[in-house]
Amino acid sequence: MMNILNIGATALLASQSALNTTSNNVANASTAGYTRQEVDFSSIPSGLTGITGSSGNGVTVSNITRLYDSFTTLQLRTEKSNTSYWNTYSGYASSIETVFNETSNTGIGPAISDFFSAWQQVAQNPQDTTARTSLLNKAQYLASRISGAYNDLASQQAQIYKNSQDLVTQVNNISKQIYSLNEKIVSSPGALDLKDQRDSLVEQLNQITRANTVEDSSGRYNVYIGGATLVDASGSYNMSVALDNSNAMQFSVGTHNINSEMSGGQLKANLDARDTTIAGYITQLNTLAAGLSTAINTQSGLGYNLNGVAGGNFFTAPSAQFAARDIKVAITDPKAIAASATAAGVPGDNKNAQTIANLANTNIIAGNTLSPIDYYNNIVSAAGTDAQSANTYVQFQTSLVNQLETQRQATSGVSLDQEAENLIQFEKSYQAAAKMISIGSDLLDTILGIVK
C-alpha cells in the first residue's frame, strides 16, 4: 500500500511541475524573447527485485528544458544584423538623395545651366548692366547651392558620429548586462528565464554591431567582435569611437581597432555611410567646385572688364579639401565682369563671355573628362541608384527575417492552443494521481482496520 502512496505522490508532484511550466508558457506567450519550456519526465526504477516484469516506483521530473533552436537563432542573429545594417544605410541613402534632389528647379543642376545661360546673355549684350547683374545673382545662387549641399552632407556626417557615440554607449551597457547574466547563470544553470534574457541582449547587440558568441563549459557566453573580446569570464570590455586626423571614425575595443572587422548592424552602416558614401559625395562636390572655379577664373583672367581692366578671379580661389564649402563669387561690381577678350575700346567685344558660356559643354571637370552638367548628373544618378539599391536590400532582408522568425516560432514559440491541450492533459494526470493517493489511503485504512 505504501508503494501506491509513494507512486501517487511522485505522479502528483510531476503533474504539478508540468502544470506550473505550462502556466508559465501561457503567461509569457507575448513576452519578447521568451523560449517555450518543456518538462522532461523519467520513470523511477523499481530497484533490485526477483520478480519478472516488476513495475517501477513512479515518475520524476528529470529536467525542464528550453525548446531552443540554436541553428535558426544563429541565422536570425546574422540576418537581423544585416537587416539593421540596410535599414540604417537606406535611411542615410535617402537623405543623401534628397540633398541632390533634382525634381524641382532649385537644385544644383538647374543652377549650373542658369549660370552658363547668364554668361550667354552677357555675351549677347556685354554692356548691359542688367544682364551682368543677373549673372552675378545666378553665380551667387550656384555657389550657395554647392556650398549648401556640402554643408548638408557635413551635417549628416556630424549627426552620424553623434549617433555612433550613443550606439557605442548602448553596446557597453549591453556587454555589462551579458557579463552579469553570465555569472548568474553559472551560479544557477537551471535559470531558463535568465538565458532568454541573455539571448535577447545578444540579439540586440547584433542589431547594433555583428558579434559572435561562444558558450564555454560553465555556460558563459564569450562575445567577440571580429578578433576583439567584448565579454569573457573576466568581465566586459568597453568599445569606443573617435575621429582621426582625417575626420574618419575609428572604432576600438580596448586598444584593438576593429574598423576592418566590423560587419552588419547599425554601426557598420554608420561607418560605411559616413566615411565612404558621404565622404565620396563630398569629394565629388569638391571636384565640381574646384574644376568649375578654376576654369572660370582662368578664362576670366584672360579677359577685360567694362573699365578696360584685365579680369581677375570670378570665384574665390578654391582649396582642394573645402572647395565646395568655400565657393563664393569674388566680385560684386557688375562692371568687373571680364566679358571682353580685348582692352581696345569700351565695352570691347563679347568673346571672353562667349568662351566662358561655351564652357558649359566643355570637359573641364575631373581632369577635363566631363562637362560640369554631365559630371553633376553622374552624382545625381549615383545617389538615386544607391538609395534604390539600399531599399531593395531592405525588402529582401525583411522578408528573409520574417521567414526565419516563423521557423523559430514553430519550435521555440508558445502556441496557446497547444498549451491549452497540455493544461487539460496535466490536469487529468494531477487528478488521477490524487485519486491514486486517495485509493491507496483507503486501502491502507482497510488493512489497519483488519489488523485491529
Protein backbone atom coordinates (compact mmCIF):
# COMPACT_ATOMS: atom_id res chain seq x y z
CA MET A 1 0.00 0.00 0.00
CA MET A 2 2.83 2.35 0.83
CA ASN A 3 4.20 1.87 -2.72
CA ILE A 4 0.89 3.02 -4.18
CA LEU A 5 1.03 6.11 -2.00
CA ASN A 6 4.65 6.82 -2.99
CA ILE A 7 3.96 6.35 -6.69
CA GLY A 8 0.90 8.56 -6.42
CA ALA A 9 2.93 11.23 -4.64
CA THR A 10 5.59 11.24 -7.39
CA ALA A 11 2.91 11.46 -10.06
CA LEU A 12 1.22 14.32 -8.19
CA LEU A 13 4.47 16.29 -7.91
CA ALA A 14 5.41 15.63 -11.54
CA SER A 15 1.99 16.73 -12.79
CA GLN A 16 2.14 19.84 -10.62
CA SER A 17 5.57 20.73 -12.09
CA ALA A 18 4.17 20.22 -15.61
CA LEU A 19 1.18 22.43 -14.82
CA ASN A 20 3.48 25.14 -13.46
CA THR A 21 5.68 25.02 -16.57
CA THR A 22 2.67 25.09 -18.91
CA SER A 23 1.16 28.00 -16.98
CA ASN A 24 4.47 29.88 -17.29
CA ASN A 25 4.41 29.31 -21.06
CA VAL A 26 0.88 30.70 -21.29
CA ALA A 27 1.77 33.71 -19.14
CA ASN A 28 4.77 34.54 -21.38
CA ALA A 29 3.13 33.85 -24.74
CA SER A 30 3.55 37.52 -25.69
CA THR A 31 6.87 38.11 -23.94
CA ALA A 32 9.56 39.13 -26.42
CA GLY A 33 12.47 36.71 -26.46
CA TYR A 34 10.72 34.03 -24.39
CA THR A 35 11.50 30.43 -25.31
CA ARG A 36 8.88 27.77 -24.68
CA GLN A 37 9.76 25.43 -21.84
CA GLU A 38 9.01 21.73 -21.59
CA VAL A 39 9.12 19.20 -18.75
CA ASP A 40 11.12 16.01 -19.25
CA PHE A 41 9.78 13.03 -17.27
CA SER A 42 11.73 9.93 -16.23
CA SER A 43 10.45 6.78 -14.60
CA ILE A 44 11.83 5.81 -11.20
CA PRO A 45 13.18 2.26 -11.47
CA SER A 46 11.96 -0.43 -9.09
CA GLY A 47 15.43 -1.31 -7.86
CA LEU A 48 16.65 -4.84 -7.15
CA THR A 49 13.85 -7.42 -7.39
CA GLY A 50 13.48 -11.03 -8.36
CA ILE A 51 10.04 -10.56 -9.80
CA THR A 52 9.83 -10.76 -13.56
CA GLY A 53 8.14 -7.69 -15.08
CA SER A 54 8.20 -5.68 -11.86
CA SER A 55 6.77 -2.17 -12.19
CA GLY A 56 8.74 0.91 -11.21
CA ASN A 57 8.43 3.33 -8.34
CA GLY A 58 6.76 6.23 -10.07
CA VAL A 59 7.91 9.23 -12.05
CA THR A 60 10.25 12.17 -11.57
CA VAL A 61 10.95 15.39 -13.40
CA SER A 62 14.42 14.87 -14.82
CA ASN A 63 14.72 18.33 -16.37
CA ILE A 64 12.89 21.43 -17.56
CA THR A 65 14.32 22.49 -20.89
CA ARG A 66 14.04 25.40 -23.31
CA LEU A 67 12.92 24.38 -26.79
CA TYR A 68 15.85 26.36 -28.15
CA ASP A 69 16.63 26.16 -31.87
CA SER A 70 20.29 27.19 -31.85
CA PHE A 71 20.78 26.87 -35.62
CA THR A 72 17.81 29.06 -36.57
CA THR A 73 18.62 31.51 -33.77
CA LEU A 74 22.15 31.94 -35.11
CA GLN A 75 20.77 32.53 -38.61
CA LEU A 76 18.31 35.07 -37.24
CA ARG A 77 21.04 36.98 -35.40
CA THR A 78 23.06 37.20 -38.60
CA GLU A 79 20.16 38.24 -40.82
CA LYS A 80 18.71 40.67 -38.27
CA SER A 81 22.16 42.24 -38.11
CA ASN A 82 22.14 42.54 -41.91
CA THR A 83 18.60 43.94 -41.87
CA SER A 84 19.60 46.51 -39.26
CA TYR A 85 22.53 47.49 -41.48
CA TRP A 86 20.39 48.01 -44.56
CA ASN A 87 17.58 49.78 -42.70
CA THR A 88 20.12 52.23 -41.31
CA TYR A 89 22.06 52.64 -44.54
CA SER A 90 18.85 53.06 -46.56
CA GLY A 91 17.82 55.96 -44.33
CA TYR A 92 21.12 57.71 -44.98
CA ALA A 93 20.97 56.96 -48.71
CA SER A 94 17.51 58.56 -48.89
CA SER A 95 18.80 61.65 -47.07
CA ILE A 96 21.73 61.90 -49.48
CA GLU A 97 19.38 61.59 -52.44
CA THR A 98 17.36 64.49 -51.01
CA VAL A 99 20.49 66.66 -50.96
CA PHE A 100 20.81 66.14 -54.71
CA ASN A 101 17.08 66.42 -55.36
CA GLU A 102 16.56 67.50 -58.95
CA THR A 103 12.78 67.14 -59.08
CA SER A 104 12.40 70.93 -58.92
CA ASN A 105 14.23 73.87 -60.49
CA THR A 106 16.06 74.68 -57.26
CA GLY A 107 18.82 72.07 -57.50
CA ILE A 108 22.46 72.39 -58.47
CA GLY A 109 21.82 71.06 -61.98
CA PRO A 110 19.42 73.85 -62.99
CA ALA A 111 21.68 76.36 -61.22
CA ILE A 112 24.63 75.28 -63.41
CA SER A 113 22.51 75.64 -66.54
CA ASP A 114 21.18 79.04 -65.45
CA PHE A 115 24.71 80.23 -64.64
CA PHE A 116 26.06 79.48 -68.10
CA SER A 117 22.87 80.83 -69.70
CA ALA A 118 23.53 84.10 -67.88
CA TRP A 119 27.01 84.20 -69.41
CA GLN A 120 25.35 83.74 -72.82
CA GLN A 121 23.08 86.71 -72.08
CA VAL A 122 26.10 88.85 -71.22
CA ALA A 123 27.79 87.70 -74.45
CA GLN A 124 24.75 88.84 -76.42
CA ASN A 125 24.75 92.27 -74.76
CA PRO A 126 28.08 92.81 -72.97
CA GLN A 127 27.43 96.42 -71.99
CA ASP A 128 24.02 95.68 -70.42
CA THR A 129 24.24 96.18 -66.64
CA THR A 130 21.03 94.21 -66.09
CA ALA A 131 22.48 91.13 -67.79
CA ARG A 132 25.67 91.48 -65.79
CA THR A 133 23.75 91.84 -62.51
CA SER A 134 21.68 88.79 -63.38
CA LEU A 135 24.90 86.83 -64.00
CA LEU A 136 26.22 87.73 -60.55
CA ASN A 137 22.91 86.66 -58.98
CA LYS A 138 22.97 83.35 -60.85
CA ALA A 139 26.60 82.81 -59.84
CA GLN A 140 25.86 83.55 -56.20
CA TYR A 141 22.90 81.16 -56.26
CA LEU A 142 25.01 78.41 -57.83
CA ALA A 143 27.73 78.91 -55.22
CA SER A 144 25.15 78.82 -52.42
CA ARG A 145 23.62 75.60 -53.75
CA ILE A 146 27.02 73.87 -53.98
CA SER A 147 28.12 75.05 -50.52
CA GLY A 148 24.66 74.24 -49.17
CA ALA A 149 24.92 70.66 -50.43
CA TYR A 150 28.37 70.38 -48.87
CA ASN A 151 27.07 71.67 -45.54
CA ASP A 152 24.10 69.29 -45.63
CA LEU A 153 26.42 66.33 -46.15
CA ALA A 154 28.84 67.54 -43.46
CA SER A 155 25.89 67.94 -41.08
CA GLN A 156 24.86 64.36 -41.79
CA GLN A 157 28.38 63.23 -41.00
CA ALA A 158 28.30 65.08 -37.68
CA GLN A 159 24.93 63.56 -36.80
CA ILE A 160 26.11 60.06 -37.70
CA TYR A 161 29.14 60.47 -35.44
CA LYS A 162 26.87 61.57 -32.57
CA ASN A 163 24.58 58.61 -33.24
CA SER A 164 27.60 56.28 -33.27
CA GLN A 165 28.69 57.57 -29.87
CA ASP A 166 25.21 56.84 -28.49
CA LEU A 167 25.23 53.34 -30.01
CA VAL A 168 28.66 52.60 -28.56
CA THR A 169 27.28 53.52 -25.13
CA GLN A 170 24.46 51.03 -25.71
CA VAL A 171 26.97 48.35 -26.72
CA ASN A 172 28.90 48.85 -23.49
CA ASN A 173 25.73 48.71 -21.39
CA ILE A 174 24.61 45.51 -23.12
CA SER A 175 28.04 43.96 -22.64
CA LYS A 176 27.92 44.64 -18.92
CA GLN A 177 24.45 43.08 -18.68
CA ILE A 178 25.59 39.97 -20.58
CA TYR A 179 28.52 39.57 -18.20
CA SER A 180 26.22 39.96 -15.19
CA LEU A 181 23.79 37.36 -16.56
CA ASN A 182 26.70 35.04 -17.33
CA GLU A 183 27.66 34.98 -13.65
CA LYS A 184 24.07 34.43 -12.52
CA ILE A 185 23.62 31.57 -14.98
CA VAL A 186 26.85 29.91 -13.84
CA SER A 187 25.54 30.07 -10.25
CA SER A 188 22.11 28.82 -11.30
CA PRO A 189 22.34 26.78 -14.53
CA GLY A 190 18.62 25.96 -14.46
CA ALA A 191 17.59 29.63 -14.62
CA LEU A 192 16.00 29.38 -18.06
CA ASP A 193 14.47 32.86 -17.99
CA LEU A 194 17.94 34.35 -17.45
CA LYS A 195 19.17 32.52 -20.54
CA ASP A 196 16.28 34.01 -22.51
CA GLN A 197 17.24 37.48 -21.27
CA ARG A 198 20.85 36.91 -22.27
CA ASP A 199 19.88 35.71 -25.76
CA SER A 200 17.68 38.79 -26.19
CA LEU A 201 20.61 41.02 -25.25
CA VAL A 202 22.86 39.22 -27.74
CA GLU A 203 20.22 39.80 -30.43
CA GLN A 204 20.04 43.50 -29.53
CA LEU A 205 23.82 43.69 -29.66
CA ASN A 206 23.88 42.13 -33.13
CA GLN A 207 21.47 44.74 -34.43
CA ILE A 208 23.97 47.39 -33.36
CA THR A 209 27.09 45.51 -34.43
CA ARG A 210 27.68 41.94 -35.57
CA ALA A 211 29.01 39.87 -32.67
CA ASN A 212 29.89 36.19 -32.33
CA THR A 213 29.20 34.17 -29.19
CA VAL A 214 30.88 31.03 -27.89
CA GLU A 215 29.43 29.21 -24.88
CA ASP A 216 32.10 27.81 -22.57
CA SER A 217 31.88 24.70 -20.38
CA SER A 218 30.43 26.72 -17.49
CA GLY A 219 27.56 28.07 -19.59
CA ARG A 220 29.02 31.57 -20.05
CA TYR A 221 28.82 33.42 -23.34
CA ASN A 222 32.14 34.76 -24.61
CA VAL A 223 31.31 37.58 -27.02
CA TYR A 224 33.60 38.75 -29.82
CA ILE A 225 33.59 41.46 -32.48
CA GLY A 226 35.99 40.08 -35.04
CA GLY A 227 39.10 39.25 -33.06
CA ALA A 228 38.33 41.62 -30.19
CA THR A 229 36.85 40.23 -26.97
CA LEU A 230 33.81 42.11 -25.74
CA VAL A 231 32.78 39.74 -22.90
CA ASP A 232 34.55 36.81 -21.30
CA ALA A 233 34.81 35.13 -17.90
CA SER A 234 36.86 38.04 -16.54
CA GLY A 235 34.41 40.81 -17.42
CA SER A 236 33.23 43.09 -20.20
CA TYR A 237 35.43 45.43 -22.24
CA ASN A 238 34.44 48.87 -23.46
CA MET A 239 34.05 49.81 -27.10
CA SER A 240 34.95 53.37 -28.09
CA VAL A 241 34.72 55.61 -31.15
CA ALA A 242 36.77 58.69 -32.03
CA LEU A 243 37.64 60.81 -35.06
CA ASP A 244 41.15 60.59 -36.51
CA ASN A 245 43.10 63.39 -38.18
CA SER A 246 41.29 62.84 -41.46
CA ASN A 247 37.87 63.15 -39.77
CA ALA A 248 37.20 59.40 -40.14
CA MET A 249 35.60 57.36 -37.34
CA GLN A 250 37.79 54.79 -35.60
CA PHE A 251 36.14 52.07 -33.52
CA SER A 252 38.09 50.17 -30.89
CA VAL A 253 37.59 47.63 -28.13
CA GLY A 254 40.25 48.47 -25.61
CA THR A 255 43.27 49.27 -27.78
CA HIS A 256 42.17 46.91 -30.58
CA ASN A 257 40.95 48.83 -33.66
CA ILE A 258 38.01 46.93 -35.13
CA ASN A 259 37.06 49.03 -38.19
CA SER A 260 38.12 46.33 -40.62
CA GLU A 261 36.46 43.58 -38.54
CA MET A 262 33.00 45.15 -38.27
CA SER A 263 30.22 43.67 -40.36
CA GLY A 264 26.48 44.12 -40.13
CA GLY A 265 24.48 46.24 -37.71
CA GLN A 266 23.90 49.96 -37.34
CA LEU A 267 27.49 50.89 -36.53
CA LYS A 268 28.84 49.33 -39.71
CA ALA A 269 26.15 51.18 -41.68
CA ASN A 270 27.19 54.40 -39.93
CA LEU A 271 30.83 53.77 -40.78
CA ASP A 272 30.12 52.99 -44.44
CA ALA A 273 27.62 55.80 -44.95
CA ARG A 274 29.66 58.48 -43.19
CA ASP A 275 33.22 57.72 -44.19
CA THR A 276 32.75 56.08 -47.58
CA THR A 277 29.47 57.14 -49.19
CA ILE A 278 29.02 60.67 -47.86
CA ALA A 279 32.77 61.34 -47.91
CA GLY A 280 32.75 60.24 -51.54
CA TYR A 281 29.97 62.67 -52.45
CA ILE A 282 31.79 65.48 -50.63
CA THR A 283 34.90 64.69 -52.66
CA GLN A 284 32.84 64.83 -55.85
CA LEU A 285 31.32 68.17 -54.84
CA ASN A 286 34.83 69.49 -54.17
CA THR A 287 35.92 68.26 -57.59
CA LEU A 288 32.96 70.00 -59.23
CA ALA A 289 33.52 73.27 -57.34
CA ALA A 290 37.27 73.27 -57.88
CA GLY A 291 37.04 72.40 -61.58
CA LEU A 292 34.32 74.95 -62.23
CA SER A 293 36.04 77.74 -60.27
CA THR A 294 39.44 77.08 -61.80
CA ALA A 295 38.16 77.02 -65.37
CA ILE A 296 36.04 80.17 -64.93
CA ASN A 297 38.81 82.01 -63.07
CA THR A 298 41.41 81.09 -65.67
CA GLN A 299 39.29 82.34 -68.54
CA SER A 300 38.17 85.40 -66.60
CA GLY A 301 41.81 86.32 -66.09
CA LEU A 302 42.29 86.33 -69.86
CA GLY A 303 39.54 88.90 -70.43
CA TYR A 304 38.81 92.55 -69.69
CA ASN A 305 36.01 94.28 -67.83
CA LEU A 306 33.92 97.32 -68.74
CA ASN A 307 36.67 99.60 -67.50
CA GLY A 308 39.19 98.02 -69.87
CA VAL A 309 41.00 96.42 -66.93
CA ALA A 310 42.20 92.81 -67.04
CA GLY A 311 39.79 90.45 -65.29
CA GLY A 312 40.60 88.63 -62.09
CA ASN A 313 39.13 85.64 -60.29
CA PHE A 314 35.38 85.35 -60.78
CA PHE A 315 35.09 82.86 -57.89
CA THR A 316 37.26 82.72 -54.78
CA ALA A 317 40.35 80.57 -55.36
CA PRO A 318 39.36 77.00 -54.45
CA SER A 319 41.10 74.78 -51.88
CA ALA A 320 41.23 71.09 -52.67
CA GLN A 321 39.69 69.94 -49.37
CA PHE A 322 37.00 72.59 -48.96
CA ALA A 323 36.34 73.86 -52.48
CA ALA A 324 32.61 73.14 -52.30
CA ARG A 325 32.23 74.55 -48.79
CA ASP A 326 34.08 77.79 -49.52
CA ILE A 327 32.98 78.57 -53.07
CA LYS A 328 31.86 82.20 -53.36
CA VAL A 329 31.62 84.86 -56.04
CA ALA A 330 34.74 87.00 -55.78
CA ILE A 331 33.36 90.15 -57.45
CA THR A 332 30.41 92.35 -56.54
CA ASP A 333 30.53 95.05 -59.23
CA PRO A 334 28.77 94.04 -62.49
CA LYS A 335 31.28 96.21 -64.39
CA ALA A 336 34.11 93.97 -63.13
CA ILE A 337 32.89 91.01 -65.18
CA ALA A 338 35.52 90.34 -67.84
CA ALA A 339 33.30 89.83 -70.89
CA SER A 340 35.70 91.22 -73.47
CA ALA A 341 38.68 89.43 -74.99
CA THR A 342 40.37 92.78 -75.70
CA ALA A 343 41.05 96.02 -73.86
CA ALA A 344 40.68 98.02 -77.05
CA GLY A 345 37.62 100.17 -76.76
CA VAL A 346 34.96 100.08 -74.08
CA PRO A 347 32.93 97.94 -73.68
CA GLY A 348 35.12 95.93 -76.06
CA ASP A 349 33.88 92.69 -77.65
CA ASN A 350 31.91 89.75 -76.19
CA LYS A 351 34.36 86.98 -76.99
CA ASN A 352 35.50 86.20 -73.47
CA ALA A 353 31.90 85.96 -72.21
CA GLN A 354 31.07 83.66 -75.13
CA THR A 355 34.11 81.50 -74.39
CA ILE A 356 33.04 81.13 -70.75
CA ALA A 357 29.44 80.39 -71.83
CA ASN A 358 30.80 77.63 -74.05
CA LEU A 359 32.46 76.00 -71.02
CA ALA A 360 29.02 74.60 -70.16
CA ASN A 361 29.61 71.89 -72.73
CA THR A 362 33.38 71.64 -72.33
CA ASN A 363 35.17 68.91 -70.39
CA ILE A 364 36.60 71.00 -67.56
CA ILE A 365 35.82 68.72 -64.55
CA ALA A 366 37.65 65.68 -63.17
CA GLY A 367 40.83 66.06 -65.14
CA ASN A 368 39.00 67.54 -68.12
CA THR A 369 36.97 64.37 -68.68
CA LEU A 370 33.43 65.68 -68.18
CA SER A 371 31.45 68.87 -68.61
CA PRO A 372 30.02 70.48 -65.44
CA ILE A 373 26.43 69.35 -66.05
CA ASP A 374 27.44 65.82 -67.09
CA TYR A 375 29.63 65.46 -64.02
CA TYR A 376 26.86 66.64 -61.73
CA ASN A 377 24.28 64.41 -63.44
CA ASN A 378 26.54 61.45 -62.65
CA ILE A 379 26.43 62.44 -58.97
CA VAL A 380 22.63 62.63 -59.05
CA SER A 381 22.35 59.30 -60.82
CA ALA A 382 24.70 57.58 -58.35
CA ALA A 383 22.76 58.95 -55.37
CA GLY A 384 19.47 57.71 -56.80
CA THR A 385 20.85 54.29 -57.65
CA ASP A 386 22.39 53.96 -54.19
CA ALA A 387 19.08 54.77 -52.47
CA GLN A 388 17.12 52.41 -54.70
CA SER A 389 19.62 49.58 -54.21
CA ALA A 390 19.58 50.01 -50.42
CA ASN A 391 15.78 49.91 -50.37
CA THR A 392 15.83 46.68 -52.40
CA TYR A 393 18.15 45.11 -49.84
CA VAL A 394 15.85 46.24 -47.02
CA GLN A 395 12.89 44.49 -48.65
CA PHE A 396 14.87 41.30 -49.25
CA GLN A 397 16.29 41.18 -45.73
CA THR A 398 12.92 41.92 -44.11
CA SER A 399 11.33 39.02 -45.99
CA LEU A 400 14.18 36.68 -45.03
CA VAL A 401 13.97 37.63 -41.34
CA ASN A 402 10.20 37.08 -41.34
CA GLN A 403 10.70 33.59 -42.75
CA LEU A 404 13.33 32.72 -40.17
CA GLU A 405 11.22 34.18 -37.35
CA THR A 406 8.32 31.97 -38.41
CA GLN A 407 10.66 28.99 -38.47
CA ARG A 408 11.97 29.74 -34.98
CA GLN A 409 8.48 30.32 -33.59
CA ALA A 410 7.44 26.89 -34.83
CA THR A 411 9.98 25.35 -32.47
CA SER A 412 10.53 27.88 -29.70
CA GLY A 413 7.37 29.97 -29.69
CA VAL A 414 4.35 29.43 -27.47
CA SER A 415 1.21 28.05 -29.12
CA LEU A 416 -1.75 28.83 -26.88
CA ASP A 417 -3.76 26.04 -28.49
CA GLN A 418 -1.04 23.51 -27.72
CA GLU A 419 -0.60 24.81 -24.18
CA ALA A 420 -4.37 24.58 -23.61
CA GLU A 421 -4.23 20.92 -24.58
CA ASN A 422 -1.27 20.40 -22.26
CA LEU A 423 -3.13 22.02 -19.38
CA ILE A 424 -6.03 19.61 -19.81
CA GLN A 425 -3.66 16.64 -20.07
CA PHE A 426 -1.65 17.54 -16.98
CA GLU A 427 -4.79 18.47 -15.03
CA LYS A 428 -6.16 14.99 -15.68
CA SER A 429 -2.81 13.48 -14.69
CA TYR A 430 -2.88 15.50 -11.48
CA GLN A 431 -6.44 14.39 -10.73
CA ALA A 432 -5.57 10.76 -11.45
CA ALA A 433 -2.55 10.97 -9.16
CA ALA A 434 -4.69 12.45 -6.41
CA LYS A 435 -7.23 9.66 -6.92
CA MET A 436 -4.40 7.12 -6.72
CA ILE A 437 -3.31 8.56 -3.38
CA SER A 438 -6.90 8.52 -2.16
CA ILE A 439 -7.32 4.85 -3.15
CA GLY A 440 -4.03 3.94 -1.51
CA SER A 441 -5.09 5.72 1.64
CA ASP A 442 -8.44 3.87 1.67
CA LEU A 443 -6.70 0.52 1.18
CA LEU A 444 -4.29 1.30 3.96
CA ASP A 445 -7.17 2.22 6.27
CA THR A 446 -8.89 -1.08 5.41
CA ILE A 447 -5.77 -3.09 6.26
CA LEU A 448 -5.28 -1.22 9.51
CA GLY A 449 -8.95 -1.86 10.34
CA ILE A 450 -8.49 -5.62 9.77
CA VAL A 451 -5.41 -5.68 11.99
CA LYS A 452 -7.34 -4.02 14.79
